[in-house]
Structures are given as C-alpha cells and as structure tokens.
C-alpha cells in the first residue's frame, strides 16, 4: 500500500504536510504560521496569540446556524526523539513516513501522531464543506508536551463552545472523561570539584523500552537513570566525570550514561557487571532489547568530589519513581525521573509527578523534596496543573451511541493518567462539556511510535458523525 492510497485521504494529506514542518515543543513558529495560513486560505476567522496558539472559527453549514458551538482541540507540538544512529535533524528535516503492515510509523524517529493526527483531523473537518455542522471552533495549542504553555496562556473569552472534543487520546474505542494533574519537580546539585583519585570507567545503558510516563508508567519498564544509580551506588570512591540520561521529562528514560572514576577498577567492574546481570534478568520480559555496557576509559576533564558524587547517586537511587497507586484499571499516582543533565555549574534532574488527586501529587513531591534536601540538593516545583475531574454528561451518551452504531461495541469510558489540556480548559471554560478520544497510537514519545491506519479511518468517521449529531 502506498501512502497516497490511505483513507481518509484528506486526513493523511494534512498529516503529511504537518510532518514536513518542524514542530518540536518550543519550536512551533513555523507550524503555527502554517495553521494561520490554512485559515486565511479557507476564509476562516483566525487568531494567533502570543503563545502561538491558533484559534480558528467556521460558520455553521446552511440550516444549522442555531445549533450549539462545538470546539475541536489538539496540540501542534510533538516529542522529538530519535534512535542513536539516526542523523535526522528535527529543526529542518521532514519526518520520513513509513507504512508497515497496518500501521504508519517513521524512520528511526518519533512519528508525531501525538498529536499531529488530532491536528490533521481538525484541518480535514474545517476543509470539508459537505459536512453538516453547527458553528465550529478549533483550539490548537503549543507546548503541550513540555509544560502545557499554550493551554496555560489561552484566553478563552472569545470561545463560545458548548462542547469540546479533545482529539489527543491514543486508544481505539476509548472515551476519556478525566485526566491526572501533574507537576514538574526540578532538582539541582551545585558542582564541587576535586582531583581524580582512581581510574575511569564508562557505563552506557540503551535500548530500553522507555515510553510515555503517563500512559505506560504501570508497565514496569526500566528507568535508565534510576538503573544507572543502582549500578553505581556504594561503589568505593566514585567521582562523577560525566552524567546524563533521558531526553524528555514526560518520557520514561530509555538511555543513560556515566563516566566515573573509581578507587579499585577491577573490583568496581566486577560488582557493576554483577548488578548489570541482575537488572537485565529482572527486565527481560519488559525490556528485552535493553543493553548495558561497562568498559575502561580515560578522561582529561574535571571530576566531582567523592562526597557530592555519592550524594547525587544515593539521591537518584532513593527518589520515588514509577507507579505509586493504581485502583482497578486506573492509574492514580506516579512519578517519573525523566531527565538527568549537566550544566557548567550544576547537575540537574527533572521528575514529573502525576495524580488524579492534587493532594497526592503534592505529597509525592514533598517526599521527593525531603530526600533531595537530605542529600544536599535543592528541589523546586516549576510548574503544576490540575486534573480534569470525571463527570457524567449527555455528550458521553451521544458519543457512545455513535461508536456502538458504527463499530458494534461500547466505548471504554474512563479517565487517563496522561496529561490532557482539558484540565486547564476547565479552569477557563467550566461549563463546557468535554470528552477526549483519538486513533490507536502505540509507542508515543519513542522512535517506535506508530498509528493504526484502520483506527484513523474509524475515528474520523466517528468524529464527523459526532459533529453532525451534536
């Protein structure tokens, strides 16, 4: 099957156009301008705000002017992650789309179906003059994958919608009616140096499954940063020379590495190799492609003091990480140590904490903060957003009826542990009824990301009927 043979053609056409535009979180100017130009070309009312959010409006089709306004919502940014051997430059190179069996994926990079597919749905709807609909609004935001900067900055005073359809869920037949809130805990240790007192070794962890820190935090996958600390904890005389892991705060880190000096190289390598085998054995069912290498190396730069190195490693080793509470099939509370990086003066880490319950979220952060301070670091909540409380509405019944008519099964109605912008929108649009859905996307936030071709067709058909029936 060729790409131009995929259906619905208008959705796949717009998805391909989006895939040719740089749109990593924080680099959305080009794609935001593309959306503005789309609106102007289609003679739509459009507004681009200072956060580069784009709000478009389309008049009702003939005879539907008195219907309630429906807003379609998605985010334009994507997580940009690639495989180690990929030369892809996200700042300028188009995403190379591949068809593998019944899926569309990318060549060694994230695909951007999260949430490029939601944006493509919206553009296809706004381009369709044959569709029966009431007044339509589109809210396409920036920075959802980092700090929801666009949703936080949204001025909703000119949004008139009675219903909001968020197209940013990733499971076929799932209707999301609530989501977890989240916060980012930024952790720092000021660097202090001393002369190296031993020999250098390099540890490299790669090939672990990683994945979305909300949707897949309950899959018991290896956190490469945490495992790096496990390999090094209580090794005699460790001094950190280089320390790095993870790429996104909301992705389970699949890679990490360190160069360290150790007092007794032979003994350290033997102990670390033993721990390596334990980790690989424990994770063989969840992370079968994970690899850990330990080798002798040389290093000419400065190293951190033994005391600071020990404190940082011990802190990472003991920080709350992973699933904390799950009730029935719903994840309630979790945390993910997603980033470990260096600046000239600091070792920095970022832990993303999620919960459906605000008090549980902040309690988890308080526990982590105490641990960080115990080891001499600093911790600060940099951003926080509330969850979207589960609510029963008429819109849910309408959506479920349509899905059952079209597919023969009821939708799975539930909340999600992923962060959705609906939680923030509820703060500025409290009376708007909201639901979230979308095509089947697997491996989001990783180079394994793929979207089901059939699911795109099913969900677009569902969206059109939902708009018509509302």
Protein backbone atom coordinates (compact mmCIF):
# COMPACT_ATOMS: atom_id res chain seq x y z
CA UNK A 1 0.00 0.00 0.00
CA UNK A 2 1.24 3.48 -0.91
CA UNK A 3 0.78 6.48 1.36
CA UNK A 4 -1.49 8.29 -1.12
CA UNK A 5 -3.83 5.29 -1.07
CA UNK A 6 -4.60 5.66 2.64
CA UNK A 7 -8.08 6.72 3.76
CA UNK A 8 -9.43 9.16 4.68
CA UNK A 9 -7.29 10.90 2.09
CA UNK A 10 -7.78 14.42 3.46
CA UNK A 11 -6.57 13.41 6.94
CA UNK A 12 -3.47 11.67 5.66
CA UNK A 13 -2.72 14.57 3.28
CA UNK A 14 -2.72 17.08 6.11
CA UNK A 15 -0.75 14.75 8.36
CA UNK A 16 1.96 14.51 5.70
CA UNK A 17 2.06 18.30 5.35
CA UNK A 18 2.44 18.64 9.14
CA UNK A 19 5.21 16.02 9.10
CA UNK A 20 7.24 18.24 6.77
CA UNK A 21 7.24 21.18 9.21
CA UNK A 22 9.49 21.45 12.30
CA UNK A 23 7.27 21.27 15.40
CA UNK A 24 9.26 20.07 18.38
CA UNK A 25 7.96 21.57 21.62
CA UNK A 26 9.35 25.10 21.81
CA UNK A 27 9.89 25.29 18.03
CA UNK A 28 6.30 25.80 16.85
CA UNK A 29 6.50 29.12 14.97
CA UNK A 30 6.56 27.54 11.52
CA UNK A 31 3.69 25.15 12.16
CA UNK A 32 1.65 27.86 13.90
CA UNK A 33 2.08 30.10 10.85
CA UNK A 34 1.10 27.19 8.61
CA UNK A 35 -2.18 26.86 10.53
CA UNK A 36 -2.85 30.60 10.27
CA UNK A 37 -2.25 30.45 6.52
CA UNK A 38 -4.61 27.47 6.27
CA UNK A 39 -7.32 29.51 7.96
CA UNK A 40 -6.79 32.51 5.72
CA UNK A 41 -6.81 30.38 2.58
CA UNK A 42 -10.14 28.90 3.69
CA UNK A 43 -11.54 32.33 4.63
CA UNK A 44 -11.92 31.38 8.29
CA UNK A 45 -11.80 33.69 11.28
CA UNK A 46 -8.42 33.11 12.93
CA UNK A 47 -6.42 34.36 15.90
CA UNK A 48 -2.78 33.61 16.76
CA UNK A 49 -1.86 34.62 20.31
CA UNK A 50 1.48 35.41 21.91
CA UNK A 51 1.96 31.74 22.87
CA UNK A 52 1.46 30.84 19.17
CA UNK A 53 -1.83 29.10 19.90
CA UNK A 54 -4.15 29.20 16.90
CA UNK A 55 -7.91 29.62 17.30
CA UNK A 56 -10.00 29.18 14.14
CA UNK A 57 -13.74 29.57 13.63
CA UNK A 58 -16.02 28.29 10.89
CA UNK A 59 -19.63 29.33 10.40
CA UNK A 60 -22.36 26.73 10.61
CA UNK A 61 -23.48 24.97 7.46
CA UNK A 62 -26.76 26.09 5.95
CA UNK A 63 -29.73 25.34 8.19
CA UNK A 64 -27.56 24.56 11.26
CA UNK A 65 -26.99 28.10 12.49
CA UNK A 66 -28.96 27.58 15.70
CA UNK A 67 -27.02 24.55 16.87
CA UNK A 68 -24.60 24.70 19.79
CA UNK A 69 -20.97 25.56 19.01
CA UNK A 70 -18.51 22.68 19.03
CA UNK A 71 -14.77 23.18 19.63
CA UNK A 72 -12.22 20.72 18.27
CA UNK A 73 -8.95 20.70 20.18
CA UNK A 74 -5.44 19.31 19.65
CA UNK A 75 -1.84 20.40 20.16
CA UNK A 76 0.58 21.22 17.38
CA UNK A 77 3.86 20.29 19.07
CA UNK A 78 5.42 16.83 19.20
CA UNK A 79 8.02 14.95 21.23
CA UNK A 80 11.22 14.75 19.16
CA UNK A 81 13.22 11.61 19.91
CA UNK A 82 15.36 9.59 17.52
CA UNK A 83 17.42 6.43 17.57
CA UNK A 84 21.10 6.80 18.35
CA UNK A 85 22.22 6.04 14.79
CA UNK A 86 19.75 8.46 13.16
CA UNK A 87 21.12 11.60 11.50
CA UNK A 88 17.69 13.23 11.47
CA UNK A 89 17.63 16.95 12.30
CA UNK A 90 14.23 17.82 13.78
CA UNK A 91 14.84 21.54 13.21
CA UNK A 92 14.73 21.16 9.43
CA UNK A 93 14.24 17.58 8.21
CA UNK A 94 10.76 16.27 7.34
CA UNK A 95 9.63 13.21 9.28
CA UNK A 96 10.05 10.24 6.93
CA UNK A 97 6.75 8.34 6.98
CA UNK A 98 6.76 4.57 6.54
CA UNK A 99 3.96 2.03 6.12
CA UNK A 100 4.48 -1.22 8.00
CA UNK A 101 1.59 -3.67 7.64
CA UNK A 102 -1.48 -1.87 9.03
CA UNK A 103 0.48 0.95 10.66
CA UNK A 104 2.14 4.22 9.73
CA UNK A 105 5.43 4.83 11.53
CA UNK A 106 8.60 6.86 11.00
CA UNK A 107 12.19 6.11 10.06
CA UNK A 108 14.09 5.93 13.38
CA UNK A 109 12.27 8.94 14.89
CA UNK A 110 9.09 9.71 16.71
CA UNK A 111 6.19 9.92 14.29
CA UNK A 112 4.36 12.91 15.75
CA UNK A 113 0.93 11.27 15.51
CA UNK A 114 0.72 12.56 19.09
CA UNK A 115 -0.82 14.97 18.33
CA UNK A 116 -0.32 15.65 14.64
CA UNK A 117 -3.14 13.25 13.92
CA UNK A 118 -5.52 15.36 16.03
CA UNK A 119 -4.47 18.48 14.12
CA UNK A 120 -4.91 16.66 10.79
CA UNK A 121 -8.43 15.64 11.83
CA UNK A 122 -9.28 19.26 12.59
CA UNK A 123 -7.89 20.57 9.29
CA UNK A 124 -9.76 17.92 7.34
CA UNK A 125 -13.03 18.85 9.12
CA UNK A 126 -12.54 22.58 8.50
CA UNK A 127 -11.75 21.86 4.85
CA UNK A 128 -14.93 19.81 4.35
CA UNK A 129 -17.77 21.95 3.01
CA UNK A 130 -20.06 18.96 2.57
CA UNK A 131 -20.29 18.23 6.31
CA UNK A 132 -23.45 19.16 8.20
CA UNK A 133 -22.44 21.08 11.33
CA UNK A 134 -23.21 23.91 13.68
CA UNK A 135 -20.68 26.67 14.43
CA UNK A 136 -17.19 25.20 14.78
CA UNK A 137 -14.15 26.39 16.68
CA UNK A 138 -10.64 24.95 16.66
CA UNK A 139 -8.19 25.38 19.53
CA UNK A 140 -4.71 24.22 18.53
CA UNK A 141 -2.14 24.79 21.25
CA UNK A 142 1.61 24.86 21.75
CA UNK A 143 3.95 23.27 24.27
CA UNK A 144 1.59 20.54 25.45
CA UNK A 145 4.43 18.03 25.64
CA UNK A 146 6.55 20.21 27.92
CA UNK A 147 4.59 22.41 30.31
CA UNK A 148 1.25 22.96 28.55
CA UNK A 149 2.39 26.52 27.97
CA UNK A 150 -0.21 27.12 25.27
CA UNK A 151 -3.16 25.89 27.31
CA UNK A 152 -1.92 27.89 30.31
CA UNK A 153 -1.80 31.06 28.21
CA UNK A 154 -5.13 30.54 26.45
CA UNK A 155 -7.57 33.45 26.59
CA UNK A 156 -10.97 31.80 26.33
CA UNK A 157 -13.07 34.95 26.26
CA UNK A 158 -13.84 34.61 22.54
CA UNK A 159 -14.52 30.86 22.69
CA UNK A 160 -18.25 30.15 22.58
CA UNK A 161 -18.29 26.36 22.53
CA UNK A 162 -20.82 24.34 24.50
CA UNK A 163 -18.93 21.13 23.73
CA UNK A 164 -15.20 20.47 23.40
CA UNK A 165 -13.82 17.43 21.58
CA UNK A 166 -10.18 16.83 22.50
CA UNK A 167 -8.52 14.61 19.85
CA UNK A 168 -5.47 13.61 21.86
CA UNK A 169 -6.20 10.15 23.25
CA UNK A 170 -4.38 7.12 21.92
CA UNK A 171 -6.51 4.03 22.41
CA UNK A 172 -9.06 2.74 19.90
CA UNK A 173 -12.58 2.78 21.27
CA UNK A 174 -11.62 4.62 24.46
CA UNK A 175 -13.52 7.69 25.57
CA UNK A 176 -11.61 9.72 28.12
CA UNK A 177 -13.66 11.80 30.57
CA UNK A 178 -10.97 12.82 33.07
CA UNK A 179 -7.20 13.02 33.44
CA UNK A 180 -4.45 13.32 36.00
CA UNK A 181 -2.93 16.59 37.03
CA UNK A 182 0.82 16.94 37.12
CA UNK A 183 3.81 18.91 38.29
CA UNK A 184 7.48 19.21 37.40
CA UNK A 185 9.95 18.92 40.27
CA UNK A 186 13.29 20.44 39.26
CA UNK A 187 16.24 19.07 41.26
CA UNK A 188 19.70 20.64 41.32
CA UNK A 189 23.09 19.93 42.91
CA UNK A 190 25.80 22.56 42.77
CA UNK A 191 29.03 21.17 41.42
CA UNK A 192 32.18 20.92 43.53
CA UNK A 193 35.35 19.51 42.07
CA UNK A 194 38.44 17.68 43.29
CA UNK A 195 41.27 15.77 41.68
CA UNK A 196 40.51 12.31 40.38
CA UNK A 197 41.78 9.64 42.76
CA UNK A 198 41.29 6.49 40.71
CA UNK A 199 40.80 5.01 37.26
CA UNK A 200 37.96 5.78 34.87
CA UNK A 201 35.17 3.55 33.62
CA UNK A 202 32.24 4.27 31.34
CA UNK A 203 28.72 2.90 31.82
CA UNK A 204 26.22 3.04 28.97
CA UNK A 205 22.57 2.00 29.13
CA UNK A 206 20.50 1.96 25.96
CA UNK A 207 17.79 0.13 24.07
CA UNK A 208 15.30 0.03 26.94
CA UNK A 209 11.64 0.41 26.02
CA UNK A 210 11.01 3.84 27.55
CA UNK A 211 7.63 5.22 26.58
CA UNK A 212 5.03 7.69 27.82
CA UNK A 213 5.43 8.40 31.52
CA UNK A 214 1.68 8.69 31.96
CA UNK A 215 0.22 6.02 29.73
CA UNK A 216 2.93 3.40 30.26
CA UNK A 217 4.22 4.06 33.78
CA UNK A 218 2.43 0.92 35.01
CA UNK A 219 4.23 -1.36 32.55
CA UNK A 220 7.18 -1.88 34.96
CA UNK A 221 9.69 -0.74 32.35
CA UNK A 222 13.24 0.11 33.28
CA UNK A 223 14.08 3.73 34.10
CA UNK A 224 17.62 4.02 32.74
CA UNK A 225 18.54 6.92 35.07
CA UNK A 226 17.45 5.05 38.15
CA UNK A 227 19.27 1.93 36.95
CA UNK A 228 22.44 3.94 36.36
CA UNK A 229 22.38 4.94 40.03
CA UNK A 230 21.74 1.33 41.02
CA UNK A 231 24.87 0.26 39.16
CA UNK A 232 26.99 2.87 40.95
CA UNK A 233 25.52 3.07 44.45
CA UNK A 234 28.06 2.23 47.19
CA UNK A 235 30.91 1.59 44.73
CA UNK A 236 34.07 2.73 46.51
CA UNK A 237 35.48 6.12 45.63
CA UNK A 238 33.11 7.09 42.82
CA UNK A 239 33.72 10.53 41.32
CA UNK A 240 31.42 11.68 38.55
CA UNK A 241 33.07 12.98 35.40
CA UNK A 242 30.05 12.88 33.06
CA UNK A 243 26.44 12.13 33.94
CA UNK A 244 23.49 12.16 31.56
CA UNK A 245 20.20 10.39 30.88
CA UNK A 246 16.76 10.76 29.34
CA UNK A 247 15.54 13.27 26.77
CA UNK A 248 12.05 14.40 27.88
CA UNK A 249 10.59 14.94 31.31
CA UNK A 250 7.41 13.07 30.33
CA UNK A 251 9.15 10.08 28.77
CA UNK A 252 10.47 7.08 30.69
CA UNK A 253 14.22 7.37 30.05
CA UNK A 254 15.49 4.59 27.82
CA UNK A 255 19.14 5.73 27.82
CA UNK A 256 21.69 6.96 30.35
CA UNK A 257 25.46 7.02 30.64
CA UNK A 258 28.21 7.99 33.02
CA UNK A 259 31.97 8.32 33.11
CA UNK A 260 33.26 7.93 36.66
CA UNK A 261 36.50 7.48 38.50
CA UNK A 262 36.62 4.57 40.97
CA UNK A 263 39.10 3.59 43.67
CA UNK A 264 39.51 -0.05 42.64
CA UNK A 265 38.79 -0.50 38.95
CA UNK A 266 38.84 -4.31 38.91
CA UNK A 267 36.59 -4.70 41.93
CA UNK A 268 34.20 -1.99 40.71
CA UNK A 269 33.80 -3.54 37.26
CA UNK A 270 33.13 -6.97 38.77
CA UNK A 271 30.46 -5.60 41.10
CA UNK A 272 28.83 -3.46 38.41
CA UNK A 273 28.77 -6.39 35.99
CA UNK A 274 27.00 -8.47 38.62
CA UNK A 275 24.39 -5.75 39.10
CA UNK A 276 24.08 -5.43 35.32
CA UNK A 277 23.10 -9.08 35.04
CA UNK A 278 20.53 -8.62 37.80
CA UNK A 279 18.94 -5.65 36.04
CA UNK A 280 18.83 -7.35 32.64
CA UNK A 281 17.38 -10.51 34.16
CA UNK A 282 14.73 -8.58 36.08
CA UNK A 283 13.72 -6.63 32.98
CA UNK A 284 13.92 -9.36 30.32
CA UNK A 285 10.13 -9.50 29.97
CA UNK A 286 9.52 -5.73 29.87
CA UNK A 287 12.74 -4.50 28.20
CA UNK A 288 14.10 -7.38 26.10
CA UNK A 289 16.27 -5.11 23.94
CA UNK A 290 17.96 -3.32 26.84
CA UNK A 291 21.75 -3.22 26.82
CA UNK A 292 24.28 -2.20 29.45
CA UNK A 293 27.97 -1.84 28.70
CA UNK A 294 30.83 -1.26 31.17
CA UNK A 295 34.32 -0.51 29.92
CA UNK A 296 37.58 1.09 30.94
CA UNK A 297 38.13 4.56 29.56
CA UNK A 298 40.20 7.72 30.01
CA UNK A 299 39.12 11.23 30.92
CA UNK A 300 41.02 14.54 31.00
CA UNK A 301 38.42 16.88 32.48
CA UNK A 302 37.36 17.80 35.99
CA UNK A 303 35.52 15.37 38.26
CA UNK A 304 33.09 15.94 41.10
CA UNK A 305 34.11 15.33 44.68
CA UNK A 306 33.55 11.88 46.17
CA UNK A 307 31.09 13.23 48.73
CA UNK A 308 28.99 15.08 46.16
CA UNK A 309 29.10 12.16 43.74
CA UNK A 310 27.90 9.80 46.45
CA UNK A 311 25.08 12.17 47.45
CA UNK A 312 23.83 12.53 43.87
CA UNK A 313 23.90 8.79 43.23
CA UNK A 314 22.24 7.99 46.55
CA UNK A 315 19.57 10.62 45.87
CA UNK A 316 18.68 9.17 42.47
CA UNK A 317 18.71 5.65 43.89
CA UNK A 318 16.19 6.52 46.63
CA UNK A 319 13.92 9.03 44.86
CA UNK A 320 10.29 7.94 44.39
CA UNK A 321 9.99 6.70 40.84
CA UNK A 322 7.37 4.77 38.90
CA UNK A 323 3.85 3.65 39.74
CA UNK A 324 2.68 4.58 43.23
CA UNK A 325 -1.05 3.84 43.26
CA UNK A 326 -3.43 2.05 40.91
CA UNK A 327 -7.09 1.30 41.57
CA UNK A 328 -8.75 -1.31 39.39
CA UNK A 329 -7.61 -0.38 35.87
CA UNK A 330 -6.92 3.30 36.53
CA UNK A 331 -3.50 4.68 37.44
CA UNK A 332 -3.94 7.18 40.26
CA UNK A 333 -0.46 8.45 41.23
CA UNK A 334 3.06 8.07 39.79
CA UNK A 335 6.35 9.84 39.30
CA UNK A 336 8.97 9.68 36.57
CA UNK A 337 12.59 10.79 36.84
CA UNK A 338 12.83 11.75 33.20
CA UNK A 339 15.95 13.92 32.78
CA UNK A 340 19.49 13.87 34.15
CA UNK A 341 21.79 16.50 32.69
CA UNK A 342 24.72 18.78 33.43
CA UNK A 343 25.31 22.48 33.09
CA UNK A 344 28.59 24.25 33.80
CA UNK A 345 27.70 24.70 37.46
CA UNK A 346 25.05 22.10 38.26
CA UNK A 347 23.78 18.57 37.98
CA UNK A 348 20.09 18.89 37.11
CA UNK A 349 17.23 16.41 37.23
CA UNK A 350 13.54 16.61 36.44
CA UNK A 351 10.85 14.44 38.00
CA UNK A 352 7.33 14.59 36.61
CA UNK A 353 4.70 13.68 39.19
CA UNK A 354 1.12 12.88 38.19
CA UNK A 355 -2.05 12.17 40.13
CA UNK A 356 -5.80 12.39 39.74
CA UNK A 357 -5.79 13.79 43.29
CA UNK A 358 -3.99 17.10 43.85
CA UNK A 359 -3.11 16.35 47.48
CA UNK A 360 -1.46 13.05 46.50
CA UNK A 361 0.52 14.79 43.77
CA UNK A 362 1.90 17.40 46.13
CA UNK A 363 2.57 14.83 48.85
CA UNK A 364 4.67 12.80 46.41
CA UNK A 365 6.60 15.96 45.59
CA UNK A 366 7.10 16.71 49.30
CA UNK A 367 8.58 13.25 49.89
CA UNK A 368 10.97 13.70 46.96
CA UNK A 369 11.93 17.19 48.17
CA UNK A 370 12.86 15.87 51.62
CA UNK A 371 15.06 13.18 50.08
CA UNK A 372 16.79 15.71 47.82
CA UNK A 373 17.47 18.06 50.75
CA UNK A 374 18.75 15.16 52.84
CA UNK A 375 21.49 14.67 50.24
CA UNK A 376 22.33 18.37 49.93
CA UNK A 377 20.38 19.24 46.80
CA UNK A 378 17.60 21.69 46.04
CA UNK A 379 14.13 20.88 44.74
CA UNK A 380 11.52 23.27 43.39
CA UNK A 381 8.13 22.84 41.77
CA UNK A 382 8.45 24.65 38.45
CA UNK A 383 5.01 24.07 37.01
CA UNK A 384 1.81 22.40 38.10
CA UNK A 385 -1.58 21.85 36.56
CA UNK A 386 -4.81 20.46 37.91
CA UNK A 387 -6.52 17.36 36.70
CA UNK A 388 -9.80 17.08 34.85
CA UNK A 389 -12.35 15.64 37.25
CA UNK A 390 -14.50 12.81 35.94
CA UNK A 391 -18.04 13.96 35.12
CA UNK A 392 -21.09 12.29 33.60
CA UNK A 393 -22.63 14.26 30.71
CA UNK A 394 -25.07 13.87 27.85
CA UNK A 395 -22.15 14.19 25.43
CA UNK A 396 -20.74 10.88 26.70
CA UNK A 397 -24.01 9.10 25.88
CA UNK A 398 -24.15 10.62 22.39
CA UNK A 399 -20.55 9.57 21.67
CA UNK A 400 -21.07 6.03 22.95
CA UNK A 401 -24.27 5.58 20.91
CA UNK A 402 -22.49 6.62 17.71
CA UNK A 403 -19.49 4.37 18.35
CA UNK A 404 -21.73 1.38 19.03
CA UNK A 405 -23.73 2.02 15.86
CA UNK A 406 -20.57 2.24 13.76
CA UNK A 407 -18.44 -0.46 15.39
CA UNK A 408 -20.80 -2.75 17.26
CA UNK A 409 -19.21 -2.28 20.67
CA UNK A 410 -19.50 0.15 23.57
CA UNK A 411 -16.69 2.60 24.12
CA UNK A 412 -14.43 2.12 27.12
CA UNK A 413 -15.26 5.16 29.23
CA UNK A 414 -12.50 6.00 31.71
CA UNK A 415 -10.04 8.57 32.97
CA UNK A 416 -6.39 8.64 31.86
CA UNK A 417 -3.12 9.05 33.71
CA UNK A 418 -1.79 11.07 30.81
CA UNK A 419 -1.96 14.85 31.00
CA UNK A 420 -4.65 16.41 28.84
CA UNK A 421 -5.23 20.07 28.30
CA UNK A 422 -8.88 19.62 29.25
CA UNK A 423 -7.87 20.03 32.89
CA UNK A 424 -6.65 23.55 32.18
CA UNK A 425 -9.52 24.39 29.86
CA UNK A 426 -11.97 23.51 32.62
CA UNK A 427 -10.47 26.37 34.61
CA UNK A 428 -11.38 28.95 31.95
CA UNK A 429 -14.42 27.17 30.47
CA UNK A 430 -16.05 25.45 33.46
CA UNK A 431 -19.45 24.95 31.81
CA UNK A 432 -18.16 23.32 28.63
CA UNK A 433 -18.79 19.57 28.31
CA UNK A 434 -15.62 17.76 27.26
CA UNK A 435 -14.56 14.36 26.01
CA UNK A 436 -11.30 13.05 24.58
CA UNK A 437 -10.68 10.32 22.01
CA UNK A 438 -8.40 9.52 19.10
CA UNK A 439 -6.93 6.81 16.89
CA UNK A 440 -4.78 3.96 18.21
CA UNK A 441 -1.22 5.22 18.76
CA UNK A 442 1.43 2.93 20.20
CA UNK A 443 4.91 3.82 21.43
CA UNK A 444 4.22 7.55 21.74
CA UNK A 445 7.27 9.63 22.75
CA UNK A 446 9.65 6.98 21.37
CA UNK A 447 11.07 6.08 17.93
CA UNK A 448 8.71 3.08 17.98
CA UNK A 449 5.67 5.38 17.72
CA UNK A 450 3.08 4.20 15.21
CA UNK A 451 -0.57 4.88 14.36
CA UNK A 452 -3.15 2.37 13.17
CA UNK A 453 -4.39 3.05 9.64
CA UNK A 454 -7.78 1.45 10.26
CA UNK A 455 -8.17 3.28 13.55
CA UNK A 456 -7.64 6.64 11.84
CA UNK A 457 -10.45 5.79 9.45
CA UNK A 458 -12.75 4.64 12.27
CA UNK A 459 -12.15 7.69 14.45
CA UNK A 460 -12.52 10.23 11.66
CA UNK A 461 -15.84 8.67 10.67
CA UNK A 462 -16.85 8.82 14.34
CA UNK A 463 -15.82 12.48 14.63
CA UNK A 464 -17.83 13.53 11.58
CA UNK A 465 -20.98 11.83 12.86
CA UNK A 466 -20.46 13.26 16.34
CA UNK A 467 -20.26 16.80 14.96
CA UNK A 468 -23.32 16.19 12.82
CA UNK A 469 -25.39 14.75 15.64
CA UNK A 470 -24.49 17.41 18.19
